[in-house]
């Protein structure tokens, strides 16, 4: 069964779960492309306001403060010897993570 997207919600080690799911998907359907990715963001307005009030966010006057930020990364795992086009038979890419 083709999964177009399989989201994982908040957790420290979810990248390993996403990778495991991707490898299982590749093993089950080796000719179907799989993309694993993740996004991390720090958006807690209450905490950011508290840190700002305590002058704990990095700035001109705070050289060792917290840096709120975001990041993302994606990759396409394969097993050695597999080959496929960039799209599956429906013309859609699979994404896990």
N, C-alpha and C. Protein backbone atom coordinates (compact mmCIF):
# COMPACT_ATOMS: atom_id res chain seq x y z
N UNK A 1 0.84 -1.18 0.00
CA UNK A 1 0.00 0.00 0.00
C UNK A 1 0.89 1.24 0.00
N UNK A 2 0.64 2.13 -0.89
CA UNK A 2 1.45 3.33 -1.04
C UNK A 2 1.02 4.40 -0.05
N UNK A 3 1.97 4.91 0.71
CA UNK A 3 1.74 6.01 1.64
C UNK A 3 2.29 7.28 0.99
N UNK A 4 1.46 8.27 0.80
CA UNK A 4 1.94 9.52 0.22
C UNK A 4 2.70 10.33 1.27
N UNK A 5 2.20 10.37 2.49
CA UNK A 5 2.90 11.06 3.57
C UNK A 5 2.59 10.34 4.87
N UNK A 6 3.59 10.19 5.70
CA UNK A 6 3.44 9.53 6.99
C UNK A 6 4.05 10.45 8.04
N UNK A 7 3.26 11.34 8.64
CA UNK A 7 3.82 12.29 9.60
C UNK A 7 4.09 11.67 10.97
N UNK A 8 5.13 12.14 11.61
CA UNK A 8 5.46 11.78 12.99
C UNK A 8 5.42 13.07 13.79
N UNK A 9 4.76 13.05 14.91
CA UNK A 9 4.62 14.26 15.74
C UNK A 9 5.66 14.27 16.85
N UNK A 10 6.15 15.43 17.16
CA UNK A 10 7.09 15.74 18.23
C UNK A 10 7.73 14.56 18.95
N UNK A 11 9.01 14.59 19.03
CA UNK A 11 9.75 13.58 19.75
C UNK A 11 11.22 13.65 19.41
N UNK A 12 12.05 13.30 20.37
CA UNK A 12 13.49 13.44 20.21
C UNK A 12 14.07 12.45 19.22
N UNK A 13 13.58 11.22 19.22
CA UNK A 13 14.19 10.17 18.41
C UNK A 13 13.32 9.74 17.23
N UNK A 14 12.42 10.59 16.79
CA UNK A 14 11.52 10.20 15.71
C UNK A 14 12.23 10.04 14.38
N UNK A 15 13.41 10.63 14.22
CA UNK A 15 14.13 10.46 12.96
C UNK A 15 14.48 8.99 12.74
N UNK A 16 14.75 8.26 13.82
CA UNK A 16 15.06 6.83 13.67
C UNK A 16 13.81 6.05 13.24
N UNK A 17 12.67 6.42 13.80
CA UNK A 17 11.41 5.77 13.42
C UNK A 17 11.09 6.06 11.95
N UNK A 18 11.29 7.30 11.52
CA UNK A 18 11.04 7.65 10.13
C UNK A 18 11.98 6.89 9.20
N UNK A 19 13.25 6.78 9.57
CA UNK A 19 14.20 6.03 8.75
C UNK A 19 13.82 4.55 8.69
N UNK A 20 13.41 3.98 9.82
CA UNK A 20 12.99 2.58 9.84
C UNK A 20 11.79 2.37 8.91
N UNK A 21 10.81 3.27 8.98
CA UNK A 21 9.64 3.17 8.10
C UNK A 21 10.04 3.29 6.63
N UNK A 22 10.98 4.18 6.34
CA UNK A 22 11.45 4.35 4.96
C UNK A 22 12.13 3.08 4.46
N UNK A 23 12.98 2.49 5.27
CA UNK A 23 13.67 1.27 4.85
C UNK A 23 12.69 0.12 4.65
N UNK A 24 11.67 0.05 5.48
CA UNK A 24 10.64 -0.98 5.30
C UNK A 24 9.87 -0.74 4.00
N UNK A 25 9.57 0.52 3.70
CA UNK A 25 8.87 0.84 2.46
C UNK A 25 9.71 0.48 1.24
N UNK A 26 11.02 0.75 1.32
CA UNK A 26 11.91 0.42 0.22
C UNK A 26 12.01 -1.09 0.05
N UNK A 27 12.10 -1.81 1.16
CA UNK A 27 12.19 -3.27 1.09
C UNK A 27 10.92 -3.87 0.48
N UNK A 28 9.77 -3.28 0.81
CA UNK A 28 8.50 -3.80 0.30
C UNK A 28 8.28 -3.44 -1.17
N UNK A 29 8.70 -2.25 -1.56
CA UNK A 29 8.52 -1.78 -2.93
C UNK A 29 9.81 -1.10 -3.39
N UNK A 30 10.83 -1.88 -3.76
CA UNK A 30 12.14 -1.31 -4.07
C UNK A 30 12.17 -0.37 -5.27
N UNK A 31 11.18 -0.43 -6.13
CA UNK A 31 11.18 0.46 -7.29
C UNK A 31 10.40 1.75 -7.08
N UNK A 32 9.92 1.97 -5.86
CA UNK A 32 9.19 3.19 -5.53
C UNK A 32 10.10 4.15 -4.76
N UNK A 33 10.15 5.41 -5.15
CA UNK A 33 10.99 6.37 -4.43
C UNK A 33 10.42 6.72 -3.05
N UNK A 34 11.31 6.96 -2.11
CA UNK A 34 10.93 7.36 -0.75
C UNK A 34 11.79 8.55 -0.36
N UNK A 35 11.18 9.55 0.24
CA UNK A 35 11.90 10.72 0.75
C UNK A 35 11.64 10.79 2.25
N UNK A 36 12.71 10.92 3.04
CA UNK A 36 12.59 11.07 4.48
C UNK A 36 13.00 12.50 4.83
N UNK A 37 12.22 13.13 5.67
CA UNK A 37 12.55 14.50 6.03
C UNK A 37 12.00 14.89 7.37
N UNK A 38 12.49 16.00 7.84
CA UNK A 38 12.01 16.50 9.11
C UNK A 38 12.16 18.00 9.21
N UNK A 39 11.32 18.60 10.02
CA UNK A 39 11.34 20.04 10.26
C UNK A 39 11.28 20.26 11.76
N UNK A 40 12.09 21.16 12.25
CA UNK A 40 12.09 21.49 13.67
C UNK A 40 11.95 23.00 13.80
N UNK A 41 11.09 23.42 14.67
CA UNK A 41 10.89 24.85 14.87
C UNK A 41 10.72 25.15 16.34
N UNK A 42 11.13 26.32 16.76
CA UNK A 42 10.94 26.74 18.14
C UNK A 42 9.96 27.90 18.12
N UNK A 43 8.69 27.60 18.31
CA UNK A 43 7.68 28.64 18.30
C UNK A 43 6.78 28.46 19.51
N UNK A 44 7.22 28.99 20.62
CA UNK A 44 6.45 29.00 21.86
C UNK A 44 6.47 30.45 22.33
N UNK A 45 5.43 31.18 21.94
CA UNK A 45 5.43 32.63 22.18
C UNK A 45 5.53 32.99 23.65
N UNK A 46 4.91 32.21 24.52
CA UNK A 46 4.98 32.49 25.96
C UNK A 46 6.42 32.38 26.46
N UNK A 47 7.09 31.28 26.10
CA UNK A 47 8.47 31.09 26.53
C UNK A 47 9.39 32.14 25.91
N UNK A 48 9.19 32.45 24.63
CA UNK A 48 10.02 33.48 24.00
C UNK A 48 9.83 34.83 24.69
N UNK A 49 8.61 35.14 25.11
CA UNK A 49 8.36 36.41 25.83
C UNK A 49 9.08 36.40 27.18
N UNK A 50 9.03 35.27 27.88
CA UNK A 50 9.74 35.16 29.16
C UNK A 50 11.25 35.31 28.98
N UNK A 51 11.79 34.62 27.99
CA UNK A 51 13.24 34.72 27.73
C UNK A 51 13.62 36.15 27.36
N UNK A 52 12.78 36.80 26.58
CA UNK A 52 13.05 38.18 26.18
C UNK A 52 13.00 39.12 27.39
N UNK A 53 12.01 38.93 28.26
CA UNK A 53 11.90 39.77 29.47
C UNK A 53 13.10 39.59 30.39
N UNK A 54 13.66 38.36 30.38
CA UNK A 54 14.84 38.07 31.22
C UNK A 54 16.14 38.36 30.48
N UNK A 55 16.05 38.94 29.30
CA UNK A 55 17.21 39.25 28.45
C UNK A 55 18.09 38.02 28.22
N UNK A 56 17.44 36.92 27.86
CA UNK A 56 18.15 35.67 27.61
C UNK A 56 18.12 35.26 26.15
N UNK A 57 17.60 36.12 25.28
CA UNK A 57 17.62 35.86 23.83
C UNK A 57 18.81 36.61 23.24
N UNK A 58 19.54 35.93 22.36
CA UNK A 58 20.73 36.51 21.75
C UNK A 58 20.39 37.84 21.09
N UNK A 59 21.22 38.82 21.34
CA UNK A 59 21.03 40.14 20.75
C UNK A 59 22.28 40.98 20.95
N UNK A 60 22.19 42.24 20.61
CA UNK A 60 23.34 43.14 20.70
C UNK A 60 23.89 43.24 22.13
N UNK A 61 23.01 43.16 23.12
CA UNK A 61 23.43 43.27 24.51
C UNK A 61 23.59 41.92 25.20
N UNK A 62 23.18 40.85 24.55
CA UNK A 62 23.25 39.51 25.13
C UNK A 62 24.07 38.62 24.20
N UNK A 63 25.34 38.41 24.56
CA UNK A 63 26.25 37.69 23.67
C UNK A 63 26.13 36.17 23.78
N UNK A 64 25.59 35.65 24.88
CA UNK A 64 25.50 34.20 25.05
C UNK A 64 24.05 33.74 25.22
N UNK A 65 23.13 34.43 24.57
CA UNK A 65 21.72 34.12 24.72
C UNK A 65 21.23 33.01 23.81
N UNK A 66 20.00 32.64 24.03
CA UNK A 66 19.32 31.61 23.26
C UNK A 66 19.03 32.13 21.86
N UNK A 67 19.19 31.28 20.86
CA UNK A 67 18.89 31.64 19.48
C UNK A 67 17.67 30.84 19.03
N UNK A 68 16.49 31.47 18.98
CA UNK A 68 15.33 30.73 18.48
C UNK A 68 15.52 30.52 16.98
N UNK A 69 15.19 29.34 16.51
CA UNK A 69 15.40 29.07 15.10
C UNK A 69 14.60 27.91 14.58
N UNK A 70 14.82 27.62 13.32
CA UNK A 70 14.14 26.53 12.64
C UNK A 70 15.15 25.79 11.78
N UNK A 71 14.82 24.57 11.45
CA UNK A 71 15.69 23.81 10.57
C UNK A 71 14.89 22.72 9.87
N UNK A 72 15.41 22.26 8.75
CA UNK A 72 14.75 21.20 8.01
C UNK A 72 15.80 20.42 7.23
N UNK A 73 15.53 19.16 7.02
CA UNK A 73 16.42 18.33 6.22
C UNK A 73 15.65 17.18 5.59
N UNK A 74 16.04 16.81 4.38
CA UNK A 74 15.38 15.73 3.66
C UNK A 74 16.42 14.92 2.90
N UNK A 75 16.18 13.62 2.76
CA UNK A 75 17.06 12.79 1.95
C UNK A 75 16.29 11.62 1.37
N UNK A 76 16.88 10.97 0.39
CA UNK A 76 16.24 9.84 -0.28
C UNK A 76 17.10 8.60 -0.11
N UNK A 77 16.76 7.74 0.86
CA UNK A 77 17.56 6.54 1.09
C UNK A 77 17.31 5.48 0.01
N UNK A 78 18.32 4.68 -0.26
CA UNK A 78 18.18 3.58 -1.20
C UNK A 78 19.00 2.40 -0.70
N UNK A 79 18.68 1.22 -1.18
CA UNK A 79 19.53 0.06 -0.97
C UNK A 79 20.45 -0.03 -2.17
N UNK A 80 21.64 -0.52 -1.98
CA UNK A 80 22.58 -0.68 -3.09
C UNK A 80 21.95 -1.53 -4.18
N UNK A 81 22.09 -1.09 -5.40
CA UNK A 81 21.58 -1.86 -6.52
C UNK A 81 20.15 -1.54 -6.92
N UNK A 82 19.47 -0.67 -6.17
CA UNK A 82 18.11 -0.32 -6.56
C UNK A 82 18.15 0.84 -7.53
N UNK A 83 17.19 0.88 -8.40
CA UNK A 83 17.08 2.01 -9.32
C UNK A 83 15.60 2.30 -9.54
N UNK A 84 15.28 3.56 -9.75
CA UNK A 84 13.90 3.96 -10.01
C UNK A 84 13.88 5.35 -10.60
N UNK A 85 12.76 5.71 -11.13
CA UNK A 85 12.58 7.07 -11.59
C UNK A 85 12.25 7.93 -10.37
N UNK A 86 12.15 9.23 -10.56
CA UNK A 86 11.86 10.12 -9.44
C UNK A 86 10.40 10.06 -9.00
N UNK A 87 9.54 9.41 -9.76
CA UNK A 87 8.13 9.39 -9.41
C UNK A 87 7.60 7.97 -9.48
N UNK A 88 6.57 7.70 -8.70
CA UNK A 88 5.97 6.36 -8.73
C UNK A 88 4.98 6.26 -9.89
N UNK A 89 4.28 5.17 -9.98
CA UNK A 89 3.38 4.94 -11.10
C UNK A 89 2.23 5.94 -11.16
N UNK A 90 1.89 6.58 -10.05
CA UNK A 90 0.83 7.60 -10.04
C UNK A 90 1.39 8.98 -10.32
N UNK A 91 2.69 9.09 -10.51
CA UNK A 91 3.29 10.40 -10.75
C UNK A 91 3.49 11.21 -9.48
N UNK A 92 3.36 10.57 -8.31
CA UNK A 92 3.49 11.28 -7.03
C UNK A 92 4.65 10.72 -6.24
N UNK A 93 5.34 11.58 -5.53
CA UNK A 93 6.45 11.14 -4.70
C UNK A 93 5.95 10.73 -3.33
N UNK A 94 6.59 9.72 -2.74
CA UNK A 94 6.26 9.33 -1.38
C UNK A 94 7.16 10.11 -0.43
N UNK A 95 6.60 10.53 0.69
CA UNK A 95 7.37 11.23 1.72
C UNK A 95 7.08 10.59 3.06
N UNK A 96 8.12 10.37 3.84
CA UNK A 96 7.98 9.81 5.18
C UNK A 96 8.72 10.72 6.13
N UNK A 97 8.09 11.11 7.25
CA UNK A 97 8.79 11.88 8.26
C UNK A 97 8.17 13.17 8.61
